[in-house]
PDB file of N, CA and C in Angstrom:
ATOM      1  N   MET A   1       0.840  -1.250  -0.015  1.00  0.00           N
ATOM      2  CA  MET A   1      -0.517  -0.122   0.207  1.00  0.00           C
ATOM      3  C   MET A   1       0.906   1.355   0.061  1.00  0.00           C
ATOM      4  N   SER A   2       0.309   2.064  -1.015  1.00  0.00           N
ATOM      5  CA  SER A   2       1.435   3.419  -0.706  1.00  0.00           C
ATOM      6  C   SER A   2       0.479   4.701  -0.489  1.00  0.00           C
ATOM      7  N   CYS A   3       1.267   5.729   0.567  1.00  0.00           N
ATOM      8  CA  CYS A   3       0.331   7.060   0.748  1.00  0.00           C
ATOM      9  C   CYS A   3      -0.154   7.562  -0.521  1.00  0.00           C
ATOM     10  N   VAL A   4      -1.752   7.925   0.176  1.00  0.00           N
ATOM     11  CA  VAL A   4      -2.419   8.896  -0.857  1.00  0.00           C
ATOM     12  C   VAL A   4      -1.786  10.133  -1.364  1.00  0.00           C
ATOM     13  N   PHE A   5      -0.722  10.990  -0.137  1.00  0.00           N
ATOM     14  CA  PHE A   5      -0.365  12.342  -0.726  1.00  0.00           C
ATOM     15  C   PHE A   5       0.743  11.885  -1.246  1.00  0.00           C
ATOM     16  N   CYS A   6       1.913  11.400  -1.019  1.00  0.00           N
ATOM     17  CA  CYS A   6       2.952  11.448  -1.542  1.00  0.00           C
ATOM     18  C   CYS A   6       3.567  10.097  -2.494  1.00  0.00           C
ATOM     19  N   GLY A   7       2.672   9.164  -1.942  1.00  0.00           N
ATOM     20  CA  GLY A   7       3.319   7.457  -2.314  1.00  0.00           C
ATOM     21  C   GLY A   7       4.021   7.099  -1.933  1.00  0.00           C
ATOM     22  N   GLY A   8       4.646   7.635  -0.752  1.00  0.00           N
ATOM     23  CA  GLY A   8       5.778   6.500   0.275  1.00  0.00           C
ATOM     24  C   GLY A   8       4.916   5.125   0.617  1.00  0.00           C
ATOM     25  N   LYS A   9       5.998   4.320   0.995  1.00  0.00           N
ATOM     26  CA  LYS A   9       5.662   3.731   1.633  1.00  0.00           C
ATOM     27  C   LYS A   9       4.922   3.677   3.020  1.00  0.00           C
ATOM     28  N   ILE A  10       3.617   2.690   3.155  1.00  0.00           N
ATOM     29  CA  ILE A  10       2.953   2.809   4.628  1.00  0.00           C
ATOM     30  C   ILE A  10       3.497   1.598   5.468  1.00  0.00           C
ATOM     31  N   GLU A  11       3.287   1.996   6.696  1.00  0.00           N
ATOM     32  CA  GLU A  11       3.866   0.694   7.441  1.00  0.00           C
ATOM     33  C   GLU A  11       3.074   1.192   8.439  1.00  0.00           C
ATOM     34  N   PRO A  12       2.411   0.039   9.604  1.00  0.00           N
ATOM     35  CA  PRO A  12       1.425  -0.109  10.987  1.00  0.00           C
ATOM     36  C   PRO A  12       2.803   0.331  11.594  1.00  0.00           C
ATOM     37  N   GLN A  13       2.339   1.681  12.407  1.00  0.00           N
ATOM     38  CA  GLN A  13       2.623   2.276  13.844  1.00  0.00           C
ATOM     39  C   GLN A  13       1.705   2.470  14.975  1.00  0.00           C
ATOM     40  N   ASN A  14       2.250   2.712  16.224  1.00  0.00           N
ATOM     41  CA  ASN A  14       1.534   2.993  17.231  1.00  0.00           C
ATOM     42  C   ASN A  14       1.494   4.507  17.256  1.00  0.00           C
ATOM     43  N   THR A  15       0.447   5.660  17.026  1.00  0.00           N
ATOM     44  CA  THR A  15       1.225   7.255  16.806  1.00  0.00           C
ATOM     45  C   THR A  15       0.250   7.478  18.166  1.00  0.00           C
ATOM     46  N   THR A  16       0.514   9.345  18.400  1.00  0.00           N
ATOM     47  CA  THR A  16       0.140   9.623  19.142  1.00  0.00           C
ATOM     48  C   THR A  16      -1.129  10.714  18.589  1.00  0.00           C
ATOM     49  N   PHE A  17      -1.985  10.470  19.073  1.00  0.00           N
ATOM     50  CA  PHE A  17      -3.436  11.390  18.372  1.00  0.00           C
ATOM     51  C   PHE A  17      -3.708  12.745  19.139  1.00  0.00           C
ATOM     52  N   VAL A  18      -3.930  13.965  18.224  1.00  0.00           N
ATOM     53  CA  VAL A  18      -4.131  14.904  19.277  1.00  0.00           C
ATOM     54  C   VAL A  18      -5.454  15.447  18.539  1.00  0.00           C
ATOM     55  N   TYR A  19      -6.944  15.556  19.217  1.00  0.00           N
ATOM     56  CA  TYR A  19      -7.943  16.061  19.038  1.00  0.00           C
ATOM     57  C   TYR A  19      -8.134  17.046  19.448  1.00  0.00           C
ATOM     58  N   GLU A  20      -9.287  18.305  18.729  1.00  0.00           N
ATOM     59  CA  GLU A  20      -9.028  19.789  19.427  1.00  0.00           C
ATOM     60  C   GLU A  20     -10.455  19.566  19.080  1.00  0.00           C
ATOM     61  N   ASP A  21     -11.210  20.540  20.248  1.00  0.00           N
ATOM     62  CA  ASP A  21     -12.577  20.148  20.342  1.00  0.00           C
ATOM     63  C   ASP A  21     -12.777  21.822  21.259  1.00  0.00           C
ATOM     64  N   LYS A  22     -13.342  22.824  20.357  1.00  0.00           N
ATOM     65  CA  LYS A  22     -13.675  24.211  21.526  1.00  0.00           C
ATOM     66  C   LYS A  22     -12.538  24.580  21.988  1.00  0.00           C
ATOM     67  N   LYS A  23     -11.155  24.824  22.004  1.00  0.00           N
ATOM     68  CA  LYS A  23     -10.059  24.985  22.403  1.00  0.00           C
ATOM     69  C   LYS A  23      -9.713  24.229  23.420  1.00  0.00           C
ATOM     70  N   GLN A  24     -10.225  22.714  23.676  1.00  0.00           N
ATOM     71  CA  GLN A  24      -9.771  22.247  24.446  1.00  0.00           C
ATOM     72  C   GLN A  24      -9.209  20.697  23.551  1.00  0.00           C
ATOM     73  N   TYR A  25      -7.312  20.586  24.006  1.00  0.00           N
ATOM     74  CA  TYR A  25      -7.145  19.314  23.175  1.00  0.00           C
ATOM     75  C   TYR A  25      -6.887  18.309  24.298  1.00  0.00           C
ATOM     76  N   ILE A  26      -6.926  17.219  23.328  1.00  0.00           N
ATOM     77  CA  ILE A  26      -7.065  15.863  24.161  1.00  0.00           C
ATOM     78  C   ILE A  26      -5.885  15.079  23.124  1.00  0.00           C
ATOM     79  N   VAL A  27      -4.927  14.581  23.982  1.00  0.00           N
ATOM     80  CA  VAL A  27      -3.211  14.080  23.508  1.00  0.00           C
ATOM     81  C   VAL A  27      -4.067  12.665  23.888  1.00  0.00           C
ATOM     82  N   ILE A  28      -4.274  11.230  22.563  1.00  0.00           N
ATOM     83  CA  ILE A  28      -4.126  10.228  23.042  1.00  0.00           C
ATOM     84  C   ILE A  28      -3.233   9.481  22.410  1.00  0.00           C
ATOM     85  N   GLU A  29      -2.171   8.610  23.490  1.00  0.00           N
ATOM     86  CA  GLU A  29      -0.929   7.684  23.024  1.00  0.00           C
ATOM     87  C   GLU A  29      -0.956   6.643  22.440  1.00  0.00           C
ATOM     88  N   ASN A  30      -0.174   5.927  21.750  1.00  0.00           N
ATOM     89  CA  ASN A  30      -0.316   4.211  21.492  1.00  0.00           C
ATOM     90  C   ASN A  30      -1.627   4.148  20.633  1.00  0.00           C
ATOM     91  N   VAL A  31      -2.146   4.943  19.385  1.00  0.00           N
ATOM     92  CA  VAL A  31      -3.218   4.762  18.420  1.00  0.00           C
ATOM     93  C   VAL A  31      -2.707   4.074  17.634  1.00  0.00           C
ATOM     94  N   PRO A  32      -3.048   2.679  16.941  1.00  0.00           N
ATOM     95  CA  PRO A  32      -2.942   2.179  15.974  1.00  0.00           C
ATOM     96  C   PRO A  32      -2.563   2.740  14.873  1.00  0.00           C
ATOM     97  N   ALA A  33      -1.970   2.840  13.786  1.00  0.00           N
ATOM     98  CA  ALA A  33      -2.108   3.763  12.065  1.00  0.00           C
ATOM     99  C   ALA A  33      -1.306   3.206  11.520  1.00  0.00           C
ATOM    100  N   GLU A  34      -2.036   3.575  10.528  1.00  0.00           N
ATOM    101  CA  GLU A  34      -0.805   3.345   9.265  1.00  0.00           C
ATOM    102  C   GLU A  34      -0.039   4.580   8.872  1.00  0.00           C
ATOM    103  N   VAL A  35       1.119   4.716   9.015  1.00  0.00           N
ATOM    104  CA  VAL A  35       1.793   5.701   8.545  1.00  0.00           C
ATOM    105  C   VAL A  35       3.209   5.883   7.397  1.00  0.00           C
ATOM    106  N   CYS A  36       2.781   6.919   7.110  1.00  0.00           N
ATOM    107  CA  CYS A  36       3.573   6.871   5.090  1.00  0.00           C
ATOM    108  C   CYS A  36       5.282   7.489   5.943  1.00  0.00           C
ATOM    109  N   ILE A  37       6.646   6.205   5.771  1.00  0.00           N
ATOM    110  CA  ILE A  37       7.318   6.360   6.115  1.00  0.00           C
ATOM    111  C   ILE A  37       7.933   8.117   5.562  1.00  0.00           C
ATOM    112  N   ARG A  38       7.873   8.468   4.443  1.00  0.00           N
ATOM    113  CA  ARG A  38       8.302   9.346   3.594  1.00  0.00           C
ATOM    114  C   ARG A  38       7.378  10.577   4.212  1.00  0.00           C
ATOM    115  N   CYS A  39       6.711  10.959   4.392  1.00  0.00           N
ATOM    116  CA  CYS A  39       5.998  12.396   4.521  1.00  0.00           C
ATOM    117  C   CYS A  39       5.195  12.603   6.021  1.00  0.00           C
ATOM    118  N   GLY A  40       4.964  11.022   6.394  1.00  0.00           N
ATOM    119  CA  GLY A  40       4.336  11.214   7.536  1.00  0.00           C
ATOM    120  C   GLY A  40       3.514  11.034   8.118  1.00  0.00           C
ATOM    121  N   GLU A  41       2.612  10.921   7.377  1.00  0.00           N
ATOM    122  CA  GLU A  41       0.868  10.695   7.079  1.00  0.00           C
ATOM    123  C   GLU A  41       0.375   9.813   7.741  1.00  0.00           C
ATOM    124  N   LYS A  42      -0.873  10.079   8.733  1.00  0.00           N
ATOM    125  CA  LYS A  42      -1.324   9.057   9.325  1.00  0.00           C
ATOM    126  C   LYS A  42      -2.646   8.688   8.879  1.00  0.00           C
ATOM    127  N   THR A  43      -2.793   7.374   8.773  1.00  0.00           N
ATOM    128  CA  THR A  43      -4.338   6.703   8.063  1.00  0.00           C
ATOM    129  C   THR A  43      -4.492   5.635   9.734  1.00  0.00           C
ATOM    130  N   TYR A  44      -5.820   6.191  10.241  1.00  0.00           N
ATOM    131  CA  TYR A  44      -6.693   5.512  11.247  1.00  0.00           C
ATOM    132  C   TYR A  44      -7.643   4.304  10.089  1.00  0.00           C
ATOM    133  N   SER A  45      -7.740   3.312  10.714  1.00  0.00           N
ATOM    134  CA  SER A  45      -9.165   2.848  10.185  1.00  0.00           C
ATOM    135  C   SER A  45     -10.222   3.286  11.054  1.00  0.00           C
ATOM    136  N   PRO A  46     -11.818   3.078  10.022  1.00  0.00           N
ATOM    137  CA  PRO A  46     -12.691   3.538  10.991  1.00  0.00           C
ATOM    138  C   PRO A  46     -12.902   3.184  12.370  1.00  0.00           C
ATOM    139  N   ASP A  47     -12.677   2.069  12.212  1.00  0.00           N
ATOM    140  CA  ASP A  47     -12.668   1.702  13.714  1.00  0.00           C
ATOM    141  C   ASP A  47     -11.752   2.095  14.257  1.00  0.00           C
ATOM    142  N   VAL A  48     -10.862   2.412  14.854  1.00  0.00           N
ATOM    143  CA  VAL A  48      -9.771   3.049  15.473  1.00  0.00           C
ATOM    144  C   VAL A  48     -10.318   4.344  15.472  1.00  0.00           C
ATOM    145  N   ALA A  49     -11.181   5.044  14.275  1.00  0.00           N
ATOM    146  CA  ALA A  49     -10.953   6.520  14.658  1.00  0.00           C
ATOM    147  C   ALA A  49     -12.367   6.694  15.096  1.00  0.00           C
ATOM    148  N   ASP A  50     -13.305   6.060  15.295  1.00  0.00           N
ATOM    149  CA  ASP A  50     -14.744   6.190  15.735  1.00  0.00           C
ATOM    150  C   ASP A  50     -14.019   5.544  17.381  1.00  0.00           C
ATOM    151  N   ASP A  51     -13.537   4.833  17.547  1.00  0.00           N
ATOM    152  CA  ASP A  51     -13.013   4.913  19.200  1.00  0.00           C
ATOM    153  C   ASP A  51     -12.199   5.910  19.661  1.00  0.00           C
ATOM    154  N   VAL A  52     -11.766   6.182  18.887  1.00  0.00           N
ATOM    155  CA  VAL A  52     -11.137   7.571  19.286  1.00  0.00           C
ATOM    156  C   VAL A  52     -11.547   8.481  19.683  1.00  0.00           C
ATOM    157  N   LEU A  53     -12.708   8.794  18.539  1.00  0.00           N
ATOM    158  CA  LEU A  53     -13.107  10.011  18.925  1.00  0.00           C
ATOM    159  C   LEU A  53     -13.822   9.761  20.086  1.00  0.00           C
ATOM    160  N   LYS A  54     -14.964   8.848  20.312  1.00  0.00           N
ATOM    161  CA  LYS A  54     -15.746   8.250  21.651  1.00  0.00           C
ATOM    162  C   LYS A  54     -15.101   8.975  22.971  1.00  0.00           C
ATOM    163  N   PHE A  55     -14.172   7.994  22.379  1.00  0.00           N
ATOM    164  CA  PHE A  55     -12.630   8.105  24.375  1.00  0.00           C
ATOM    165  C   PHE A  55     -12.304   9.497  24.256  1.00  0.00           C
ATOM    166  N   ALA A  56     -11.746  10.599  22.978  1.00  0.00           N
ATOM    167  CA  ALA A  56     -12.032  11.832  23.575  1.00  0.00           C
ATOM    168  C   ALA A  56     -13.228  12.670  23.753  1.00  0.00           C
ATOM    169  N   LYS A  57     -14.358  12.116  23.897  1.00  0.00           N
ATOM    170  CA  LYS A  57     -15.207  12.710  24.194  1.00  0.00           C
ATOM    171  C   LYS A  57     -15.683  12.349  25.275  1.00  0.00           C
ATOM    172  N   THR A  58     -15.741  11.580  26.076  1.00  0.00           N
ATOM    173  CA  THR A  58     -15.989  11.395  27.249  1.00  0.00           C
ATOM    174  C   THR A  58     -14.902  11.617  28.507  1.00  0.00           C
ATOM    175  N   ILE A  59     -15.419  11.437  29.161  1.00  0.00           N
ATOM    176  CA  ILE A  59     -14.895  11.615  30.808  1.00  0.00           C
ATOM    177  C   ILE A  59     -13.778  11.017  31.149  1.00  0.00           C
ATOM    178  N   PHE A  60     -12.575  11.196  31.504  1.00  0.00           N
ATOM    179  CA  PHE A  60     -11.787  10.030  31.859  1.00  0.00           C
ATOM    180  C   PHE A  60     -10.801  10.589  32.578  1.00  0.00           C
ATOM    181  N   LYS A  61      -9.857   9.643  32.931  1.00  0.00           N
ATOM    182  CA  LYS A  61      -8.394  10.309  34.357  1.00  0.00           C
ATOM    183  C   LYS A  61      -7.199  10.186  33.202  1.00  0.00           C
ATOM    184  N   PRO A  62      -6.683  10.872  32.878  1.00  0.00           N
ATOM    185  CA  PRO A  62      -5.318  11.144  31.936  1.00  0.00           C
ATOM    186  C   PRO A  62      -4.222  10.268  32.496  1.00  0.00           C
ATOM    187  N   ILE A  63      -3.457   9.322  32.325  1.00  0.00           N
ATOM    188  CA  ILE A  63      -2.454   9.148  32.615  1.00  0.00           C
ATOM    189  C   ILE A  63      -1.259   9.872  32.819  1.00  0.00           C
ATOM    190  N   LYS A  64      -1.379  11.299  32.513  1.00  0.00           N
ATOM    191  CA  LYS A  64      -0.188  12.216  32.686  1.00  0.00           C
ATOM    192  C   LYS A  64      -1.068  13.398  31.847  1.00  0.00           C
ATOM    193  N   THR A  65       0.140  14.740  32.451  1.00  0.00           N
ATOM    194  CA  THR A  65      -0.639  15.794  32.317  1.00  0.00           C
ATOM    195  C   THR A  65       0.416  16.749  31.817  1.00  0.00           C
ATOM    196  N   ILE A  66       0.571  17.303  30.402  1.00  0.00           N
ATOM    197  CA  ILE A  66       1.590  18.049  29.904  1.00  0.00           C
ATOM    198  C   ILE A  66       1.356  19.786  29.973  1.00  0.00           C
ATOM    199  N   GLN A  67       2.517  20.347  29.777  1.00  0.00           N
ATOM    200  CA  GLN A  67       2.260  22.016  29.946  1.00  0.00           C
ATOM    201  C   GLN A  67       2.680  21.922  27.856  1.00  0.00           C
ATOM    202  N   ILE A  68       2.129  23.075  27.609  1.00  0.00           N
ATOM    203  CA  ILE A  68       2.427  23.479  26.054  1.00  0.00           C
ATOM    204  C   ILE A  68       2.135  24.615  25.360  1.00  0.00           C
ATOM    205  N   PRO A  69       3.361  25.696  25.688  1.00  0.00           N
ATOM    206  CA  PRO A  69       3.110  26.552  25.399  1.00  0.00           C
ATOM    207  C   PRO A  69       2.795  26.914  23.527  1.00  0.00           C
ATOM    208  N   VAL A  70       1.800  28.271  23.375  1.00  0.00           N
ATOM    209  CA  VAL A  70       1.011  28.363  22.388  1.00  0.00           C
ATOM    210  C   VAL A  70       1.178  29.901  21.920  1.00  0.00           C
ATOM    211  N   PHE A  71       1.894  29.875  20.587  1.00  0.00           N
ATOM    212  CA  PHE A  71       2.412  31.201  19.994  1.00  0.00           C
ATOM    213  C   PHE A  71       1.301  31.437  18.920  1.00  0.00           C
ATOM    214  N   ASP A  72       1.076  32.244  18.446  1.00  0.00           N
ATOM    215  CA  ASP A  72       0.521  33.124  17.779  1.00  0.00           C
ATOM    216  C   ASP A  72       0.785  33.288  16.406  1.00  0.00           C
ATOM    217  N   TYR A  73       0.794  32.722  15.517  1.00  0.00           N
ATOM    218  CA  TYR A  73       1.830  33.492  14.779  1.00  0.00           C
ATOM    219  C   TYR A  73       1.302  34.578  13.629  1.00  0.00           C
ATOM    220  N   VAL A  74       0.382  35.301  13.571  1.00  0.00           N
ATOM    221  CA  VAL A  74      -0.412  36.418  13.250  1.00  0.00           C
ATOM    222  C   VAL A  74       0.495  37.813  13.985  1.00  0.00           C
ATOM    223  N   SER A  75       0.857  37.627  15.016  1.00  0.00           N
ATOM    224  CA  SER A  75       0.858  38.088  16.724  1.00  0.00           C
ATOM    225  C   SER A  75       2.364  38.739  15.896  1.00  0.00           C
ATOM    226  N   ARG A  76       3.138  37.087  15.873  1.00  0.00           N
ATOM    227  CA  ARG A  76       4.715  37.641  15.485  1.00  0.00           C
ATOM    228  C   ARG A  76       4.782  37.926  14.104  1.00  0.00           C
ATOM    229  N   ILE A  77       4.182  38.274  13.098  1.00  0.00           N
ATOM    230  CA  ILE A  77       4.381  38.790  12.037  1.00  0.00           C
ATOM    231  C   ILE A  77       3.971  40.053  11.793  1.00  0.00           C
ATOM    232  N   GLU A  78       2.723  40.598  12.793  1.00  0.00           N
ATOM    233  CA  GLU A  78       2.344  41.849  13.099  1.00  0.00           C
ATOM    234  C   GLU A  78       3.540  42.536  14.186  1.00  0.00           C
ATOM    235  N   ALA A  79       4.233  42.197  14.686  1.00  0.00           N
ATOM    236  CA  ALA A  79       5.619  42.444  15.617  1.00  0.00           C
ATOM    237  C   ALA A  79       6.512  42.751  15.079  1.00  0.00           C
ATOM    238  N   GLN A  80       6.672  42.206  13.884  1.00  0.00           N
ATOM    239  CA  GLN A  80       8.001  42.619  13.049  1.00  0.00           C
ATOM    240  C   GLN A  80       7.384  43.952  11.837  1.00  0.00           C
ATOM    241  N   GLY A  81       6.053  43.933  12.023  1.00  0.00           N
ATOM    242  CA  GLY A  81       5.954  45.110  10.595  1.00  0.00           C
ATOM    243  C   GLY A  81       5.684  44.250   9.472  1.00  0.00           C
ATOM    244  N   ASN A  82       5.723  42.790   9.633  1.00  0.00           N
ATOM    245  CA  ASN A  82       5.154  42.567   8.275  1.00  0.00           C
ATOM    246  C   ASN A  82       3.746  41.738   8.266  1.00  0.00           C
ATOM    247  N   TYR A  83       3.342  42.070   7.147  1.00  0.00           N
ATOM    248  CA  TYR A  83       1.434  41.992   7.156  1.00  0.00           C
ATOM    249  C   TYR A  83       1.677  40.764   5.869  1.00  0.00           C
ATOM    250  N   LEU A  84       0.240  40.029   6.271  1.00  0.00           N
ATOM    251  CA  LEU A  84      -0.278  38.833   5.109  1.00  0.00           C
ATOM    252  C   LEU A  84      -0.966  39.418   4.201  1.00  0.00           C
TER     253      LEU A  84
END
């Protein structure tokens, strides 16, 4: 099987799934996917995708919490005097 985006080889791997809903981010580790070894595109089976989205929308206890800095690209460009 080859990647629909770049034609690269696809291999099964466990990946990290990131989900955003109304400015709330959920990170789920060790999700099985088919991953392109050339471009990194991830493809999830319909069953896994459904299960992950159900999991992300339920109340559960995370195994850990991480702090992630968030940057705004437009503010950076405006601060430099460059406008899109």
